Protein backbone atom coordinates (compact mmCIF):
# COMPACT_ATOMS: atom_id res chain seq x y z
CA MET A 1 111.95 114.46 217.90
CA ILE A 2 113.94 111.30 218.56
CA THR A 3 112.66 107.98 217.28
CA ILE A 4 113.73 104.89 219.19
CA THR A 5 113.19 101.45 217.71
CA ILE A 6 113.28 98.65 220.25
CA PRO A 7 115.50 95.82 219.00
CA GLU A 8 113.97 92.43 218.32
CA PRO A 9 114.81 89.83 220.98
CA GLU A 10 117.69 87.53 220.09
CA VAL A 11 116.49 84.91 222.58
CA THR A 12 113.18 84.32 224.31
CA ILE A 13 112.81 81.64 226.96
CA TYR A 14 109.59 80.42 228.56
CA LYS A 15 108.69 78.97 231.92
CA GLN A 16 108.02 75.23 231.79
CA GLN A 17 104.86 73.90 233.48
CA ASP A 18 106.41 70.73 234.90
CA PRO A 19 110.14 70.96 234.24
CA GLN A 20 111.92 67.61 234.22
CA LEU A 21 115.38 69.19 234.24
CA SER A 22 117.06 71.38 236.81
CA HIS A 23 115.34 74.75 236.80
CA ILE A 24 115.07 78.17 238.38
CA TYR A 25 111.42 79.15 238.89
CA GLY A 26 110.45 76.87 235.99
CA PHE A 27 113.03 78.21 233.51
CA THR A 28 115.29 75.49 232.11
CA ASP A 29 116.78 77.29 229.10
CA PHE A 30 119.12 79.84 230.71
CA HIS A 31 121.92 78.21 228.69
CA LEU A 32 120.47 79.88 225.56
CA ILE A 33 121.31 83.32 226.98
CA THR A 34 124.86 84.50 226.36
CA ARG A 35 127.29 84.71 229.25
CA GLU A 36 129.69 87.13 227.56
CA LYS A 37 127.58 89.82 225.91
CA GLY A 38 125.59 92.74 227.20
CA GLY A 39 122.07 93.82 226.47
CA ILE A 40 118.60 94.35 227.82
CA PHE A 41 116.14 91.82 229.17
CA MET A 42 112.40 91.92 229.74
CA PHE A 43 110.29 89.83 232.08
CA TYR A 44 106.64 89.22 231.11
CA ASN A 45 103.65 87.66 232.86
CA ASP A 46 101.11 85.22 231.41
CA LYS A 47 99.09 88.13 229.94
CA ASP A 48 102.21 89.30 228.05
CA GLU A 49 102.40 92.40 230.25
CA LEU A 50 105.87 93.78 230.88
CA LEU A 51 106.81 93.32 234.52
CA TYR A 52 110.41 94.47 234.46
CA VAL A 53 113.10 95.58 232.03
CA GLY A 54 116.78 95.63 232.92
CA LYS A 55 120.23 95.99 231.41
CA ALA A 56 123.45 94.10 231.96
CA ARG A 57 127.06 93.82 230.80
CA LYS A 58 126.77 90.05 231.11
CA LEU A 59 123.19 88.97 230.55
CA ARG A 60 122.86 85.43 231.88
CA GLN A 61 124.43 86.18 235.26
CA ARG A 62 122.32 89.31 235.77
CA ILE A 63 119.06 87.65 234.79
CA LYS A 64 119.70 84.72 237.12
CA LYS A 65 120.45 87.13 239.99
CA HIS A 66 116.88 88.46 239.74
CA PHE A 67 115.67 84.97 240.64
CA GLU A 68 118.18 84.46 243.46
CA ASP A 69 118.92 87.64 245.39
CA THR A 70 116.87 89.40 248.03
CA VAL A 71 117.06 92.92 246.60
CA SER A 72 115.59 92.34 243.13
CA PRO A 73 112.52 94.49 242.37
CA ILE A 74 110.72 91.29 241.31
CA LYS A 75 111.66 89.29 244.43
CA ASN A 76 108.03 88.96 245.60
CA ASN A 77 106.68 88.28 242.10
CA ARG A 78 109.14 85.81 240.60
CA GLU A 79 106.40 83.22 240.13
CA ASP A 80 104.57 85.66 237.82
CA VAL A 81 107.39 85.70 235.25
CA VAL A 82 106.58 83.30 232.39
CA LYS A 83 108.67 84.76 229.58
CA ILE A 84 112.11 86.36 229.38
CA ALA A 85 113.08 88.22 226.19
CA VAL A 86 116.73 89.18 225.63
CA CYS A 87 118.15 91.73 223.17
CA LEU A 88 121.89 92.05 222.60
CA VAL A 89 123.05 95.65 222.96
CA GLU A 90 126.78 96.07 223.54
CA ASP A 91 126.94 99.85 224.01
CA PRO A 92 126.27 100.78 227.67
CA VAL A 93 124.72 104.13 226.77
CA GLU A 94 122.31 102.47 224.34
CA ARG A 95 121.39 99.89 227.01
CA ALA A 96 120.52 102.67 229.46
CA ILE A 97 118.42 104.50 226.87
CA TYR A 98 116.53 101.34 225.91
CA GLU A 99 115.89 100.43 229.54
CA ILE A 100 114.38 103.83 230.36
CA TYR A 101 112.45 104.07 227.10
CA ILE A 102 110.95 100.57 227.35
CA ALA A 103 110.12 100.90 231.06
CA ASN A 104 108.29 104.16 230.42
CA THR A 105 106.52 103.40 227.15
CA HIS A 106 105.36 99.95 228.29
CA GLN A 107 104.77 100.93 231.93
CA ALA A 108 106.87 98.11 233.37
CA ARG A 109 105.29 97.40 236.74
CA PHE A 110 108.47 96.91 238.76
CA ASN A 111 110.72 99.56 237.18
CA THR A 112 109.71 102.30 239.59
CA ASP A 113 113.25 103.68 239.71
CA VAL A 114 113.33 104.61 235.99
CA LEU A 115 109.72 105.66 235.35
CA VAL A 116 109.27 109.27 234.37
CA SER A 117 105.98 111.03 235.04
CA GLY A 118 104.52 112.79 232.05
């Protein structure tokens, strides 16, 4: 049996209720997420339910794309995201394993492409 321990988030940012600064869907702290490193990211709703987990070689750019492009799995539910947790994971194989494991064990609502039926 393989045991997988999900890494602790390095950075967690939260949606602001009435942001005074420039923002994307209420998030003003994207600058806290690294531009240069890879890892996994998790989007949560206000009930702390996992909506989506993803992986990226460059985290900040990929996370922002989910709030900007028209093909993101969360495109119709961006307003529901209130928390973004980010874990640094440099190895691409480890990122893929974490993404699949987290999506399946936590039943991420919008990760339909990586969910495995049991």
